[in-house]
Amino acid sequence: MKRGRLTLLICVCVAGLAVGLTVRSANGMIQFRDAFLKTYVGDAKSPEQQELSKAVATAKCNVCHDAESKSKKDHNPYGMSLKKLGLKKTEKNKDKIAEFLKKAEGEKNGSGKSYGELIKAGKLPYESAK
């Protein structure tokens, strides 16, 4: 009888381990999205904030990551600016993340517009100015 319980327990543990190893996590970077939304969208009263909120909801991780790449290690120019300023993917504190977001506002994209200008216009920071 004890052998049957032990076998069952081992099977359950092995199954749990197998599921744990095969399920891919989204890497839980929700704190980055939350910090971005809190910093730039807030209560979304202005049309620009509402437009930015919709764009972030569509872009998700691609606010900072390269949408064309299969690897989430690749960042778009905005994400590269944040990395260059010292933001680490392990940062969990939303206030510290917000500090880096504010620092990156002055950085310019390829078209010469600052990320802050684009964000204030309701655009994602990597979008070209139109």
N, C-alpha and C. Protein backbone atom coordinates (compact mmCIF):
# COMPACT_ATOMS: atom_id res chain seq x y z
N MET A 1 0.82 -1.20 0.00
CA MET A 1 0.00 0.00 0.00
C MET A 1 0.86 1.27 0.00
N LYS A 2 1.96 1.24 0.80
CA LYS A 2 2.84 2.40 0.85
C LYS A 2 3.53 2.63 -0.49
N ARG A 3 3.86 1.55 -1.18
CA ARG A 3 4.52 1.64 -2.47
C ARG A 3 3.61 2.34 -3.49
N GLY A 4 2.33 2.09 -3.47
CA GLY A 4 1.36 2.72 -4.37
C GLY A 4 1.26 4.22 -4.14
N ARG A 5 1.26 4.64 -2.87
CA ARG A 5 1.21 6.07 -2.54
C ARG A 5 2.50 6.76 -2.98
N LEU A 6 3.61 6.11 -2.73
CA LEU A 6 4.90 6.67 -3.11
C LEU A 6 4.99 6.82 -4.63
N THR A 7 4.53 5.82 -5.35
CA THR A 7 4.53 5.87 -6.82
C THR A 7 3.63 7.02 -7.31
N LEU A 8 2.47 7.16 -6.70
CA LEU A 8 1.55 8.23 -7.07
C LEU A 8 2.18 9.60 -6.78
N LEU A 9 2.81 9.74 -5.63
CA LEU A 9 3.45 10.99 -5.27
C LEU A 9 4.58 11.34 -6.26
N ILE A 10 5.37 10.35 -6.62
CA ILE A 10 6.45 10.57 -7.58
C ILE A 10 5.89 10.98 -8.93
N CYS A 11 4.83 10.32 -9.37
CA CYS A 11 4.20 10.66 -10.66
C CYS A 11 3.68 12.09 -10.67
N VAL A 12 3.05 12.49 -9.57
CA VAL A 12 2.51 13.85 -9.47
C VAL A 12 3.65 14.87 -9.50
N CYS A 13 4.73 14.58 -8.78
CA CYS A 13 5.89 15.49 -8.77
C CYS A 13 6.53 15.59 -10.15
N VAL A 14 6.71 14.48 -10.82
CA VAL A 14 7.30 14.48 -12.15
C VAL A 14 6.39 15.24 -13.13
N ALA A 15 5.10 15.03 -13.04
CA ALA A 15 4.16 15.73 -13.92
C ALA A 15 4.22 17.24 -13.66
N GLY A 16 4.25 17.62 -12.39
CA GLY A 16 4.34 19.05 -12.03
C GLY A 16 5.62 19.67 -12.54
N LEU A 17 6.72 18.96 -12.42
CA LEU A 17 8.00 19.44 -12.91
C LEU A 17 7.99 19.58 -14.43
N ALA A 18 7.41 18.60 -15.11
CA ALA A 18 7.33 18.63 -16.57
C ALA A 18 6.51 19.83 -17.04
N VAL A 19 5.40 20.08 -16.39
CA VAL A 19 4.56 21.23 -16.75
C VAL A 19 5.32 22.52 -16.47
N GLY A 20 5.98 22.59 -15.33
CA GLY A 20 6.73 23.79 -14.96
C GLY A 20 7.86 24.10 -15.92
N LEU A 21 8.49 23.08 -16.47
CA LEU A 21 9.59 23.30 -17.39
C LEU A 21 9.14 23.63 -18.80
N THR A 22 7.95 23.20 -19.18
CA THR A 22 7.50 23.42 -20.55
C THR A 22 6.68 24.69 -20.73
N VAL A 23 6.04 25.17 -19.69
CA VAL A 23 5.24 26.39 -19.79
C VAL A 23 6.17 27.58 -19.80
N ARG A 24 6.07 28.41 -20.85
CA ARG A 24 6.91 29.59 -20.96
C ARG A 24 6.23 30.76 -20.29
N SER A 25 6.95 31.41 -19.46
CA SER A 25 6.47 32.59 -18.78
C SER A 25 6.67 33.80 -19.68
N ALA A 26 5.84 34.82 -19.50
CA ALA A 26 6.02 36.06 -20.24
C ALA A 26 7.12 36.89 -19.61
N ASN A 27 7.80 36.33 -18.66
CA ASN A 27 8.90 36.93 -17.94
C ASN A 27 8.45 38.07 -17.05
N GLY A 28 7.17 38.23 -16.85
CA GLY A 28 6.60 39.09 -15.83
C GLY A 28 7.08 40.51 -15.81
N MET A 29 7.27 41.14 -16.92
CA MET A 29 7.74 42.51 -16.94
C MET A 29 6.59 43.51 -16.89
N ILE A 30 5.56 43.13 -16.19
CA ILE A 30 4.38 43.99 -16.10
C ILE A 30 4.71 45.29 -15.38
N GLN A 31 5.73 45.28 -14.52
CA GLN A 31 6.09 46.49 -13.79
C GLN A 31 6.57 47.59 -14.75
N PHE A 32 7.16 47.20 -15.88
CA PHE A 32 7.60 48.19 -16.87
C PHE A 32 6.39 48.84 -17.54
N ARG A 33 5.45 48.01 -17.95
CA ARG A 33 4.24 48.55 -18.58
C ARG A 33 3.47 49.43 -17.60
N ASP A 34 3.32 48.96 -16.37
CA ASP A 34 2.59 49.73 -15.37
C ASP A 34 3.26 51.07 -15.10
N ALA A 35 4.58 51.07 -14.99
CA ALA A 35 5.31 52.32 -14.75
C ALA A 35 5.14 53.28 -15.93
N PHE A 36 5.20 52.75 -17.16
CA PHE A 36 5.02 53.58 -18.35
C PHE A 36 3.62 54.20 -18.35
N LEU A 37 2.61 53.37 -18.11
CA LEU A 37 1.23 53.88 -18.11
C LEU A 37 1.01 54.90 -17.00
N LYS A 38 1.51 54.62 -15.82
CA LYS A 38 1.34 55.55 -14.70
C LYS A 38 2.03 56.87 -14.99
N THR A 39 3.22 56.80 -15.58
CA THR A 39 4.00 58.00 -15.85
C THR A 39 3.39 58.85 -16.96
N TYR A 40 2.90 58.22 -18.03
CA TYR A 40 2.49 58.98 -19.20
C TYR A 40 1.01 59.00 -19.51
N VAL A 41 0.27 58.05 -19.01
CA VAL A 41 -1.16 58.01 -19.33
C VAL A 41 -1.99 58.49 -18.15
N GLY A 42 -1.64 58.06 -16.95
CA GLY A 42 -2.38 58.48 -15.76
C GLY A 42 -3.84 58.12 -15.87
N ASP A 43 -4.69 59.11 -15.70
CA ASP A 43 -6.14 58.87 -15.79
C ASP A 43 -6.67 59.08 -17.21
N ALA A 44 -5.80 59.31 -18.16
CA ALA A 44 -6.14 59.40 -19.60
C ALA A 44 -7.26 60.39 -19.88
N LYS A 45 -7.08 61.63 -19.43
CA LYS A 45 -8.11 62.63 -19.68
C LYS A 45 -7.94 63.31 -21.03
N SER A 46 -6.72 63.53 -21.45
CA SER A 46 -6.50 64.24 -22.72
C SER A 46 -6.61 63.25 -23.89
N PRO A 47 -6.91 63.76 -25.07
CA PRO A 47 -6.98 62.88 -26.25
C PRO A 47 -5.63 62.19 -26.52
N GLU A 48 -4.53 62.92 -26.26
CA GLU A 48 -3.21 62.33 -26.47
C GLU A 48 -2.96 61.15 -25.53
N GLN A 49 -3.36 61.31 -24.26
CA GLN A 49 -3.21 60.22 -23.29
C GLN A 49 -4.06 59.02 -23.68
N GLN A 50 -5.26 59.28 -24.16
CA GLN A 50 -6.12 58.18 -24.58
C GLN A 50 -5.53 57.45 -25.78
N GLU A 51 -4.99 58.22 -26.72
CA GLU A 51 -4.37 57.63 -27.91
C GLU A 51 -3.15 56.79 -27.51
N LEU A 52 -2.34 57.32 -26.60
CA LEU A 52 -1.15 56.61 -26.12
C LEU A 52 -1.55 55.34 -25.38
N SER A 53 -2.59 55.41 -24.58
CA SER A 53 -3.07 54.25 -23.84
C SER A 53 -3.46 53.12 -24.79
N LYS A 54 -4.18 53.46 -25.86
CA LYS A 54 -4.57 52.46 -26.86
C LYS A 54 -3.35 51.87 -27.56
N ALA A 55 -2.40 52.74 -27.89
CA ALA A 55 -1.19 52.28 -28.58
C ALA A 55 -0.39 51.32 -27.70
N VAL A 56 -0.28 51.62 -26.40
CA VAL A 56 0.45 50.75 -25.47
C VAL A 56 -0.27 49.42 -25.33
N ALA A 57 -1.60 49.45 -25.28
CA ALA A 57 -2.37 48.21 -25.17
C ALA A 57 -2.15 47.33 -26.39
N THR A 58 -1.97 47.93 -27.54
CA THR A 58 -1.72 47.16 -28.77
C THR A 58 -0.27 46.69 -28.84
N ALA A 59 0.66 47.57 -28.52
CA ALA A 59 2.09 47.26 -28.66
C ALA A 59 2.58 46.30 -27.58
N LYS A 60 2.02 46.39 -26.40
CA LYS A 60 2.43 45.57 -25.26
C LYS A 60 3.94 45.67 -25.04
N CYS A 61 4.64 44.58 -25.10
CA CYS A 61 6.09 44.53 -24.84
C CYS A 61 6.89 45.30 -25.88
N ASN A 62 6.29 45.52 -27.04
CA ASN A 62 7.00 46.17 -28.12
C ASN A 62 7.11 47.68 -27.95
N VAL A 63 6.66 48.21 -26.82
CA VAL A 63 6.96 49.60 -26.51
C VAL A 63 8.48 49.75 -26.42
N CYS A 64 9.15 48.72 -25.88
CA CYS A 64 10.61 48.74 -25.74
C CYS A 64 11.32 47.69 -26.59
N HIS A 65 10.63 46.62 -26.91
CA HIS A 65 11.26 45.51 -27.64
C HIS A 65 11.00 45.62 -29.14
N ASP A 66 11.90 45.03 -29.91
CA ASP A 66 11.81 45.05 -31.37
C ASP A 66 10.70 44.10 -31.82
N ALA A 67 9.70 44.63 -32.46
CA ALA A 67 8.56 43.83 -32.90
C ALA A 67 8.93 42.85 -34.01
N GLU A 68 9.96 43.16 -34.76
CA GLU A 68 10.36 42.32 -35.88
C GLU A 68 11.21 41.13 -35.46
N SER A 69 11.77 41.18 -34.26
CA SER A 69 12.69 40.14 -33.81
C SER A 69 11.93 39.00 -33.12
N LYS A 70 12.47 37.81 -33.23
CA LYS A 70 11.89 36.67 -32.53
C LYS A 70 12.41 36.59 -31.10
N SER A 71 13.47 37.31 -30.80
CA SER A 71 14.08 37.28 -29.48
C SER A 71 13.68 38.52 -28.69
N LYS A 72 13.26 38.34 -27.47
CA LYS A 72 12.92 39.47 -26.62
C LYS A 72 14.16 40.14 -26.05
N LYS A 73 15.33 39.66 -26.43
CA LYS A 73 16.57 40.31 -26.04
C LYS A 73 16.84 41.52 -26.92
N ASP A 74 16.16 41.59 -28.06
CA ASP A 74 16.35 42.68 -29.00
C ASP A 74 15.39 43.81 -28.67
N HIS A 75 15.92 45.01 -28.59
CA HIS A 75 15.11 46.18 -28.24
C HIS A 75 15.02 47.13 -29.43
N ASN A 76 13.96 47.90 -29.45
CA ASN A 76 13.84 48.97 -30.43
C ASN A 76 14.69 50.15 -29.93
N PRO A 77 14.82 51.23 -30.69
CA PRO A 77 15.67 52.34 -30.25
C PRO A 77 15.31 52.90 -28.87
N TYR A 78 14.04 52.97 -28.55
CA TYR A 78 13.63 53.46 -27.22
C TYR A 78 14.12 52.52 -26.13
N GLY A 79 13.93 51.24 -26.31
CA GLY A 79 14.41 50.26 -25.34
C GLY A 79 15.91 50.29 -25.20
N MET A 80 16.62 50.48 -26.32
CA MET A 80 18.08 50.58 -26.26
C MET A 80 18.51 51.82 -25.48
N SER A 81 17.76 52.91 -25.62
CA SER A 81 18.08 54.12 -24.85
C SER A 81 17.92 53.87 -23.35
N LEU A 82 16.85 53.18 -22.99
CA LEU A 82 16.64 52.87 -21.58
C LEU A 82 17.76 51.99 -21.03
N LYS A 83 18.17 51.01 -21.83
CA LYS A 83 19.29 50.15 -21.42
C LYS A 83 20.58 50.96 -21.29
N LYS A 84 20.82 51.85 -22.24
CA LYS A 84 22.02 52.68 -22.23
C LYS A 84 22.06 53.57 -20.98
N LEU A 85 20.89 54.02 -20.55
CA LEU A 85 20.81 54.85 -19.36
C LEU A 85 21.00 54.05 -18.07
N GLY A 86 20.95 52.72 -18.18
CA GLY A 86 21.22 51.88 -17.03
C GLY A 86 20.04 51.10 -16.48
N LEU A 87 18.89 51.15 -17.15
CA LEU A 87 17.74 50.38 -16.68
C LEU A 87 17.99 48.90 -16.90
N LYS A 88 17.85 48.13 -15.84
CA LYS A 88 18.07 46.69 -15.89
C LYS A 88 16.73 45.96 -15.94
N LYS A 89 16.71 44.83 -16.65
CA LYS A 89 15.47 44.06 -16.77
C LYS A 89 15.05 43.47 -15.43
N THR A 90 15.96 43.44 -14.47
CA THR A 90 15.63 42.89 -13.15
C THR A 90 15.02 43.93 -12.22
N GLU A 91 14.93 45.18 -12.65
CA GLU A 91 14.37 46.23 -11.80
C GLU A 91 12.89 45.97 -11.56
N LYS A 92 12.49 45.98 -10.30
CA LYS A 92 11.10 45.72 -9.94
C LYS A 92 10.39 46.98 -9.42
N ASN A 93 11.17 47.94 -8.95
CA ASN A 93 10.61 49.14 -8.34
C ASN A 93 10.07 50.08 -9.43
N LYS A 94 8.76 50.27 -9.44
CA LYS A 94 8.11 51.07 -10.49
C LYS A 94 8.55 52.53 -10.45
N ASP A 95 8.86 53.05 -9.25
CA ASP A 95 9.31 54.44 -9.14
C ASP A 95 10.69 54.62 -9.78
N LYS A 96 11.58 53.64 -9.59
CA LYS A 96 12.90 53.70 -10.23
C LYS A 96 12.77 53.56 -11.74
N ILE A 97 11.87 52.69 -12.17
CA ILE A 97 11.63 52.54 -13.61
C ILE A 97 11.14 53.87 -14.18
N ALA A 98 10.24 54.53 -13.47
CA ALA A 98 9.71 55.82 -13.92
C ALA A 98 10.82 56.86 -14.04
N GLU A 99 11.81 56.81 -13.13
CA GLU A 99 12.94 57.74 -13.21
C GLU A 99 13.70 57.54 -14.52
N PHE A 100 13.92 56.29 -14.92
CA PHE A 100 14.60 56.01 -16.17
C PHE A 100 13.77 56.47 -17.36
N LEU A 101 12.44 56.27 -17.28
CA LEU A 101 11.56 56.72 -18.36
C LEU A 101 11.69 58.23 -18.54
N LYS A 102 11.72 58.95 -17.44
CA LYS A 102 11.84 60.42 -17.50
C LYS A 102 13.19 60.83 -18.08
N LYS A 103 14.27 60.10 -17.70
CA LYS A 103 15.60 60.40 -18.25
C LYS A 103 15.62 60.20 -19.76
N ALA A 104 14.91 59.18 -20.23
CA ALA A 104 14.92 58.85 -21.65
C ALA A 104 14.12 59.84 -22.49
N GLU A 105 13.31 60.67 -21.87
CA GLU A 105 12.50 61.63 -22.62
C GLU A 105 13.35 62.55 -23.49
N GLY A 106 14.53 62.90 -23.03
CA GLY A 106 15.39 63.81 -23.76
C GLY A 106 16.16 63.16 -24.90
N GLU A 107 16.22 61.84 -24.91
CA GLU A 107 16.92 61.12 -25.98
C GLU A 107 16.16 61.32 -27.29
N LYS A 108 16.89 61.35 -28.39
CA LYS A 108 16.25 61.57 -29.70
C LYS A 108 16.21 60.28 -30.50
N ASN A 109 15.16 60.15 -31.31
CA ASN A 109 15.05 58.99 -32.20
C ASN A 109 15.72 59.32 -33.53
N GLY A 110 15.64 58.42 -34.48
CA GLY A 110 16.29 58.60 -35.77
C GLY A 110 15.82 59.80 -36.56
N SER A 111 14.58 60.26 -36.31
CA SER A 111 14.07 61.41 -37.05
C SER A 111 14.35 62.73 -36.35
N GLY A 112 15.07 62.67 -35.24
CA GLY A 112 15.45 63.90 -34.53
C GLY A 112 14.45 64.36 -33.49
N LYS A 113 13.35 63.67 -33.35
CA LYS A 113 12.36 64.01 -32.32
C LYS A 113 12.76 63.33 -31.02
N SER A 114 12.51 64.00 -29.90
CA SER A 114 12.80 63.37 -28.62
C SER A 114 11.67 62.40 -28.29
N TYR A 115 12.01 61.39 -27.48
CA TYR A 115 10.99 60.43 -27.07
C TYR A 115 9.90 61.14 -26.27
N GLY A 116 10.28 62.14 -25.50
CA GLY A 116 9.31 62.89 -24.72
C GLY A 116 8.30 63.61 -25.60
N GLU A 117 8.77 64.18 -26.71
CA GLU A 117 7.87 64.87 -27.65
C GLU A 117 6.86 63.89 -28.25
N LEU A 118 7.35 62.73 -28.64
CA LEU A 118 6.46 61.73 -29.23
C LEU A 118 5.41 61.28 -28.23
N ILE A 119 5.85 61.01 -27.01
CA ILE A 119 4.93 60.53 -25.97
C ILE A 119 3.87 61.58 -25.67
N LYS A 120 4.29 62.83 -25.55
CA LYS A 120 3.34 63.92 -25.26
C LYS A 120 2.34 64.10 -26.39
N ALA A 121 2.75 63.72 -27.61
CA ALA A 121 1.85 63.81 -28.77
C ALA A 121 0.93 62.59 -28.87
N GLY A 122 1.04 61.66 -27.92
CA GLY A 122 0.17 60.48 -27.92
C GLY A 122 0.69 59.34 -28.77
N LYS A 123 1.98 59.41 -29.12
CA LYS A 123 2.58 58.37 -29.95
C LYS A 123 3.51 57.50 -29.10
N LEU A 124 3.71 56.28 -29.56
CA LEU A 124 4.70 55.44 -28.91
C LEU A 124 6.08 56.04 -29.15
N PRO A 125 6.99 55.87 -28.20
CA PRO A 125 8.28 56.58 -28.32
C PRO A 125 9.12 56.20 -29.53
N TYR A 126 8.89 55.05 -30.10
CA TYR A 126 9.71 54.64 -31.24
C TYR A 126 9.08 55.00 -32.58
N GLU A 127 7.87 55.52 -32.56
CA GLU A 127 7.20 55.89 -33.81
C GLU A 127 7.88 57.09 -34.42
N SER A 128 7.91 57.14 -35.71
CA SER A 128 8.47 58.32 -36.38
C SER A 128 7.47 59.46 -36.29
N ALA A 129 7.98 60.64 -36.28
CA ALA A 129 7.12 61.83 -36.22
C ALA A 129 6.47 62.03 -37.57
N LYS A 130 5.18 62.19 -37.57
CA LYS A 130 4.45 62.40 -38.83
C LYS A 130 3.74 63.72 -38.78
